[in-house]
Amino acid sequence: MPRKNKAPAPAEAVEQKADATEDQKRAADKRAAALKGRDNDAEYIGALLVERRGYVTRGLDDRVAQVDEQIRLRGGEVPKD
């Protein structure tokens, strides 16, 4: 089956990627400004703990260790398995 969408020319692809990167930077700046002065570590740690439970359930020990490190960096307590 033939492709309906033509791939962008190389110059167009680079321009599109640069636009996406700028959009991503603006979005990150907006998130940072919205969270400024807010104590979001507790919420973030809660999300990390949920993520960690999923990795423990699936036996992904390397990912569990990475999440544990992030929990500690934010002042949280890593659960004992």
C-alpha atoms as a PDB file:
ATOM      1  CA  MET A   1       0.000   0.000   0.000  1.00  0.00           C
ATOM      2  CA  PRO A   2       1.537   3.367  -0.956  1.00  0.00           C
ATOM      3  CA  ARG A   3       2.324   5.963   1.677  1.00  0.00           C
ATOM      4  CA  LYS A   4      -0.166   8.794   1.849  1.00  0.00           C
ATOM      5  CA  ASN A   5       2.076  11.203   3.714  1.00  0.00           C
ATOM      6  CA  LYS A   6       5.252  12.302   2.045  1.00  0.00           C
ATOM      7  CA  ALA A   7       8.283  12.555   4.333  1.00  0.00           C
ATOM      8  CA  PRO A   8       9.444  16.132   4.824  1.00  0.00           C
ATOM      9  CA  ALA A   9      12.534  17.324   3.021  1.00  0.00           C
ATOM     10  CA  PRO A  10      15.631  17.281   5.263  1.00  0.00           C
ATOM     11  CA  ALA A  11      15.571  21.058   5.838  1.00  0.00           C
ATOM     12  CA  GLU A  12      11.875  20.922   6.749  1.00  0.00           C
ATOM     13  CA  ALA A  13      12.490  18.030   9.155  1.00  0.00           C
ATOM     14  CA  VAL A  14      15.218  19.990  10.967  1.00  0.00           C
ATOM     15  CA  GLU A  15      12.957  23.044  11.169  1.00  0.00           C
ATOM     16  CA  GLN A  16      10.072  20.951  12.540  1.00  0.00           C
ATOM     17  CA  LYS A  17      12.379  19.393  15.154  1.00  0.00           C
ATOM     18  CA  ALA A  18      13.634  22.827  16.238  1.00  0.00           C
ATOM     19  CA  ASP A  19      10.029  24.023  16.596  1.00  0.00           C
ATOM     20  CA  ALA A  20       9.145  20.995  18.686  1.00  0.00           C
ATOM     21  CA  THR A  21      12.168  21.582  20.893  1.00  0.00           C
ATOM     22  CA  GLU A  22      11.194  25.227  21.427  1.00  0.00           C
ATOM     23  CA  ASP A  23       7.616  24.165  22.220  1.00  0.00           C
ATOM     24  CA  GLN A  24       8.913  21.625  24.718  1.00  0.00           C
ATOM     25  CA  LYS A  25      11.149  24.244  26.347  1.00  0.00           C
ATOM     26  CA  ARG A  26       8.261  26.707  26.659  1.00  0.00           C
ATOM     27  CA  ALA A  27       6.063  23.990  28.183  1.00  0.00           C
ATOM     28  CA  ALA A  28       8.792  23.051  30.675  1.00  0.00           C
ATOM     29  CA  ASP A  29       9.244  26.718  31.608  1.00  0.00           C
ATOM     30  CA  LYS A  30       5.491  27.067  32.186  1.00  0.00           C
ATOM     31  CA  ARG A  31       5.448  23.956  34.392  1.00  0.00           C
ATOM     32  CA  ALA A  32       8.413  25.220  36.388  1.00  0.00           C
ATOM     33  CA  ALA A  33       6.764  28.613  36.886  1.00  0.00           C
ATOM     34  CA  ALA A  34       3.502  26.995  37.982  1.00  0.00           C
ATOM     35  CA  LEU A  35       5.308  24.824  40.518  1.00  0.00           C
ATOM     36  CA  LYS A  36       7.587  27.583  41.816  1.00  0.00           C
ATOM     37  CA  GLY A  37       7.179  28.038  45.533  1.00  0.00           C
ATOM     38  CA  ARG A  38       4.954  25.007  45.784  1.00  0.00           C
ATOM     39  CA  ASP A  39       5.897  22.036  47.918  1.00  0.00           C
ATOM     40  CA  ASN A  40       5.366  19.374  45.324  1.00  0.00           C
ATOM     41  CA  ASP A  41       7.935  16.898  46.640  1.00  0.00           C
ATOM     42  CA  ALA A  42       5.262  14.986  48.559  1.00  0.00           C
ATOM     43  CA  GLU A  43       3.119  14.629  45.432  1.00  0.00           C
ATOM     44  CA  TYR A  44       6.127  13.640  43.358  1.00  0.00           C
ATOM     45  CA  ILE A  45       7.263  11.080  45.915  1.00  0.00           C
ATOM     46  CA  GLY A  46       3.735   9.645  45.943  1.00  0.00           C
ATOM     47  CA  ALA A  47       3.860   9.262  42.168  1.00  0.00           C
ATOM     48  CA  LEU A  48       7.298   7.655  42.394  1.00  0.00           C
ATOM     49  CA  LEU A  49       5.994   5.154  44.954  1.00  0.00           C
ATOM     50  CA  VAL A  50       3.157   4.151  42.605  1.00  0.00           C
ATOM     51  CA  GLU A  51       5.661   3.792  39.759  1.00  0.00           C
ATOM     52  CA  ARG A  52       7.937   1.742  42.022  1.00  0.00           C
ATOM     53  CA  ARG A  53       5.139  -0.700  42.938  1.00  0.00           C
ATOM     54  CA  GLY A  54       4.610  -1.400  39.249  1.00  0.00           C
ATOM     55  CA  TYR A  55       8.283  -2.160  38.741  1.00  0.00           C
ATOM     56  CA  VAL A  56       8.419  -4.384  41.833  1.00  0.00           C
ATOM     57  CA  THR A  57       5.390  -6.315  40.587  1.00  0.00           C
ATOM     58  CA  ARG A  58       7.027  -6.866  37.206  1.00  0.00           C
ATOM     59  CA  GLY A  59      10.409  -7.758  38.718  1.00  0.00           C
ATOM     60  CA  LEU A  60      12.309  -4.849  37.138  1.00  0.00           C
ATOM     61  CA  ASP A  61      14.924  -4.489  39.857  1.00  0.00           C
ATOM     62  CA  ASP A  62      17.108  -2.039  37.932  1.00  0.00           C
ATOM     63  CA  ARG A  63      14.182   0.376  37.527  1.00  0.00           C
ATOM     64  CA  VAL A  64      13.221  -0.067  41.192  1.00  0.00           C
ATOM     65  CA  ALA A  65      16.746   1.004  42.165  1.00  0.00           C
ATOM     66  CA  GLN A  66      16.537   4.076  39.922  1.00  0.00           C
ATOM     67  CA  VAL A  67      13.187   5.104  41.404  1.00  0.00           C
ATOM     68  CA  ASP A  68      14.520   4.480  44.930  1.00  0.00           C
ATOM     69  CA  GLU A  69      17.364   6.907  44.202  1.00  0.00           C
ATOM     70  CA  GLN A  70      14.894   9.590  43.090  1.00  0.00           C
ATOM     71  CA  ILE A  71      12.773   9.056  46.197  1.00  0.00           C
ATOM     72  CA  ARG A  72      15.840   9.503  48.421  1.00  0.00           C
ATOM     73  CA  LEU A  73      16.950  12.612  46.517  1.00  0.00           C
ATOM     74  CA  ARG A  74      13.604  14.203  47.320  1.00  0.00           C
ATOM     75  CA  GLY A  75      13.802  13.299  51.005  1.00  0.00           C
ATOM     76  CA  GLY A  76      11.413  10.353  50.891  1.00  0.00           C
ATOM     77  CA  GLU A  77      11.663   7.020  52.596  1.00  0.00           C
ATOM     78  CA  VAL A  78      12.135   3.970  50.409  1.00  0.00           C
ATOM     79  CA  PRO A  79       9.758   1.132  51.384  1.00  0.00           C
ATOM     80  CA  LYS A  80      11.143  -2.211  52.482  1.00  0.00           C
ATOM     81  CA  ASP A  81      10.027  -4.924  50.073  1.00  0.00           C
END
